[in-house]
Amino acid sequence: MTRPHFIYNTIRVLIDAPVLIGAFFLTKLIFPLLNQGATSHQTLVYLSSAVLAWYISAQFSRVYQDLRSNRFSEEIIQVGLTFFLFIFVHSS
């Protein structure tokens, strides 16, 4: 793997964590009563487990593999599968 390709893959993988954390805080702002009574420690544990569950489900669905040969519809199906696996892993 060439260096630019390695950097591209690394950025693709690392960008998901801030997106998940941002989505959590955006949801917290929109629905303030949803997280009522949770301590900061519980929030940190939840965020950590959510990011870990996303990366685990992404490995099973192979969402980070090279998708140059896939069509757009196949990519959407892979992301949907990753989301379904994320919900399954995180709720278990």
C-alpha atoms as a PDB file:
ATOM      1  CA  MET A   1       0.000   0.000   0.000  1.00  0.00           C
ATOM      2  CA  THR A   2       1.414   3.360  -0.988  1.00  0.00           C
ATOM      3  CA  ARG A   3       1.786   6.134   1.543  1.00  0.00           C
ATOM      4  CA  PRO A   4      -0.982   8.411   0.150  1.00  0.00           C
ATOM      5  CA  HIS A   5      -3.363   5.456   0.038  1.00  0.00           C
ATOM      6  CA  PHE A   6      -2.472   4.547   3.640  1.00  0.00           C
ATOM      7  CA  ILE A   7      -3.067   8.141   4.782  1.00  0.00           C
ATOM      8  CA  TYR A   8      -6.398   8.200   2.930  1.00  0.00           C
ATOM      9  CA  ASN A   9      -7.536   4.971   4.625  1.00  0.00           C
ATOM     10  CA  THR A  10      -6.402   6.191   8.041  1.00  0.00           C
ATOM     11  CA  ILE A  11      -8.306   9.459   7.690  1.00  0.00           C
ATOM     12  CA  ARG A  12     -11.386   7.565   6.514  1.00  0.00           C
ATOM     13  CA  VAL A  13     -11.319   5.405   9.638  1.00  0.00           C
ATOM     14  CA  LEU A  14     -10.458   8.156  12.124  1.00  0.00           C
ATOM     15  CA  ILE A  15     -13.115  10.608  10.940  1.00  0.00           C
ATOM     16  CA  ASP A  16     -15.937   8.383  12.219  1.00  0.00           C
ATOM     17  CA  ALA A  17     -15.183   8.912  15.923  1.00  0.00           C
ATOM     18  CA  PRO A  18     -15.680  12.721  15.880  1.00  0.00           C
ATOM     19  CA  VAL A  19     -18.796  12.291  13.758  1.00  0.00           C
ATOM     20  CA  LEU A  20     -20.302   9.848  16.277  1.00  0.00           C
ATOM     21  CA  ILE A  21     -19.419  12.093  19.211  1.00  0.00           C
ATOM     22  CA  GLY A  22     -20.807  15.132  17.397  1.00  0.00           C
ATOM     23  CA  ALA A  23     -24.037  13.281  16.632  1.00  0.00           C
ATOM     24  CA  PHE A  24     -24.359  12.351  20.306  1.00  0.00           C
ATOM     25  CA  PHE A  25     -23.966  15.944  21.485  1.00  0.00           C
ATOM     26  CA  LEU A  26     -26.291  17.232  18.759  1.00  0.00           C
ATOM     27  CA  THR A  27     -28.933  14.763  19.928  1.00  0.00           C
ATOM     28  CA  LYS A  28     -28.297  15.880  23.500  1.00  0.00           C
ATOM     29  CA  LEU A  29     -28.937  19.497  22.471  1.00  0.00           C
ATOM     30  CA  ILE A  30     -32.097  18.697  20.511  1.00  0.00           C
ATOM     31  CA  PHE A  31     -33.571  16.361  23.143  1.00  0.00           C
ATOM     32  CA  PRO A  32     -32.320  17.642  26.531  1.00  0.00           C
ATOM     33  CA  LEU A  33     -34.567  15.361  28.593  1.00  0.00           C
ATOM     34  CA  LEU A  34     -33.223  12.246  26.876  1.00  0.00           C
ATOM     35  CA  ASN A  35     -30.023  12.250  28.926  1.00  0.00           C
ATOM     36  CA  GLN A  36     -31.499  13.600  32.147  1.00  0.00           C
ATOM     37  CA  GLY A  37     -29.916  12.197  35.294  1.00  0.00           C
ATOM     38  CA  ALA A  38     -26.820  10.799  33.587  1.00  0.00           C
ATOM     39  CA  THR A  39     -23.483  11.685  35.126  1.00  0.00           C
ATOM     40  CA  SER A  40     -20.484  12.740  33.073  1.00  0.00           C
ATOM     41  CA  HIS A  41     -18.864   9.362  33.815  1.00  0.00           C
ATOM     42  CA  GLN A  42     -21.883   7.525  32.384  1.00  0.00           C
ATOM     43  CA  THR A  43     -21.821   9.758  29.322  1.00  0.00           C
ATOM     44  CA  LEU A  44     -18.123   9.043  28.753  1.00  0.00           C
ATOM     45  CA  VAL A  45     -18.669   5.290  29.119  1.00  0.00           C
ATOM     46  CA  TYR A  46     -21.608   5.424  26.699  1.00  0.00           C
ATOM     47  CA  LEU A  47     -19.647   7.417  24.116  1.00  0.00           C
ATOM     48  CA  SER A  48     -16.666   5.090  24.402  1.00  0.00           C
ATOM     49  CA  SER A  49     -18.822   2.011  23.997  1.00  0.00           C
ATOM     50  CA  ALA A  50     -20.645   3.598  21.038  1.00  0.00           C
ATOM     51  CA  VAL A  51     -17.406   4.372  19.208  1.00  0.00           C
ATOM     52  CA  LEU A  52     -16.060   0.888  19.963  1.00  0.00           C
ATOM     53  CA  ALA A  53     -19.306  -0.745  18.807  1.00  0.00           C
ATOM     54  CA  TRP A  54     -19.206   1.266  15.556  1.00  0.00           C
ATOM     55  CA  TYR A  55     -15.644   0.162  14.773  1.00  0.00           C
ATOM     56  CA  ILE A  56     -16.489  -3.466  15.593  1.00  0.00           C
ATOM     57  CA  SER A  57     -19.532  -3.440  13.329  1.00  0.00           C
ATOM     58  CA  ALA A  58     -17.576  -1.641  10.589  1.00  0.00           C
ATOM     59  CA  GLN A  59     -14.995  -4.425  10.608  1.00  0.00           C
ATOM     60  CA  PHE A  60     -17.679  -7.084  10.180  1.00  0.00           C
ATOM     61  CA  SER A  61     -19.423  -5.251   7.346  1.00  0.00           C
ATOM     62  CA  ARG A  62     -16.095  -4.321   5.707  1.00  0.00           C
ATOM     63  CA  VAL A  63     -17.179  -0.719   5.286  1.00  0.00           C
ATOM     64  CA  TYR A  64     -13.559   0.485   5.338  1.00  0.00           C
ATOM     65  CA  GLN A  65     -12.309  -1.770   2.560  1.00  0.00           C
ATOM     66  CA  ASP A  66     -11.516  -0.240  -0.794  1.00  0.00           C
ATOM     67  CA  LEU A  67     -14.854   0.525  -2.424  1.00  0.00           C
ATOM     68  CA  ARG A  68     -13.683   1.723  -5.830  1.00  0.00           C
ATOM     69  CA  SER A  69     -15.343  -1.172  -7.625  1.00  0.00           C
ATOM     70  CA  ASN A  70     -18.662  -0.824  -5.803  1.00  0.00           C
ATOM     71  CA  ARG A  71     -21.598   1.125  -7.074  1.00  0.00           C
ATOM     72  CA  PHE A  72     -23.253   3.785  -4.945  1.00  0.00           C
ATOM     73  CA  SER A  73     -26.175   1.507  -4.055  1.00  0.00           C
ATOM     74  CA  GLU A  74     -23.772  -1.166  -2.777  1.00  0.00           C
ATOM     75  CA  GLU A  75     -22.046   1.395  -0.586  1.00  0.00           C
ATOM     76  CA  ILE A  76     -25.384   2.508   0.876  1.00  0.00           C
ATOM     77  CA  ILE A  77     -26.237  -1.125   1.656  1.00  0.00           C
ATOM     78  CA  GLN A  78     -22.861  -1.574   3.388  1.00  0.00           C
ATOM     79  CA  VAL A  79     -23.410   1.523   5.531  1.00  0.00           C
ATOM     80  CA  GLY A  80     -26.941   0.316   6.375  1.00  0.00           C
ATOM     81  CA  LEU A  81     -25.546  -3.077   7.369  1.00  0.00           C
ATOM     82  CA  THR A  82     -22.937  -1.367   9.533  1.00  0.00           C
ATOM     83  CA  PHE A  83     -25.651   0.693  11.219  1.00  0.00           C
ATOM     84  CA  PHE A  84     -27.755  -2.433  11.854  1.00  0.00           C
ATOM     85  CA  LEU A  85     -24.741  -4.255  13.309  1.00  0.00           C
ATOM     86  CA  PHE A  86     -23.921  -1.172  15.407  1.00  0.00           C
ATOM     87  CA  ILE A  87     -27.412  -1.214  16.916  1.00  0.00           C
ATOM     88  CA  PHE A  88     -27.168  -4.954  17.533  1.00  0.00           C
ATOM     89  CA  VAL A  89     -23.725  -4.802  19.145  1.00  0.00           C
ATOM     90  CA  HIS A  90     -24.490  -1.710  21.192  1.00  0.00           C
ATOM     91  CA  SER A  91     -27.784  -2.997  22.511  1.00  0.00           C
ATOM     92  CA  SER A  92     -26.374  -6.400  23.508  1.00  0.00           C
END
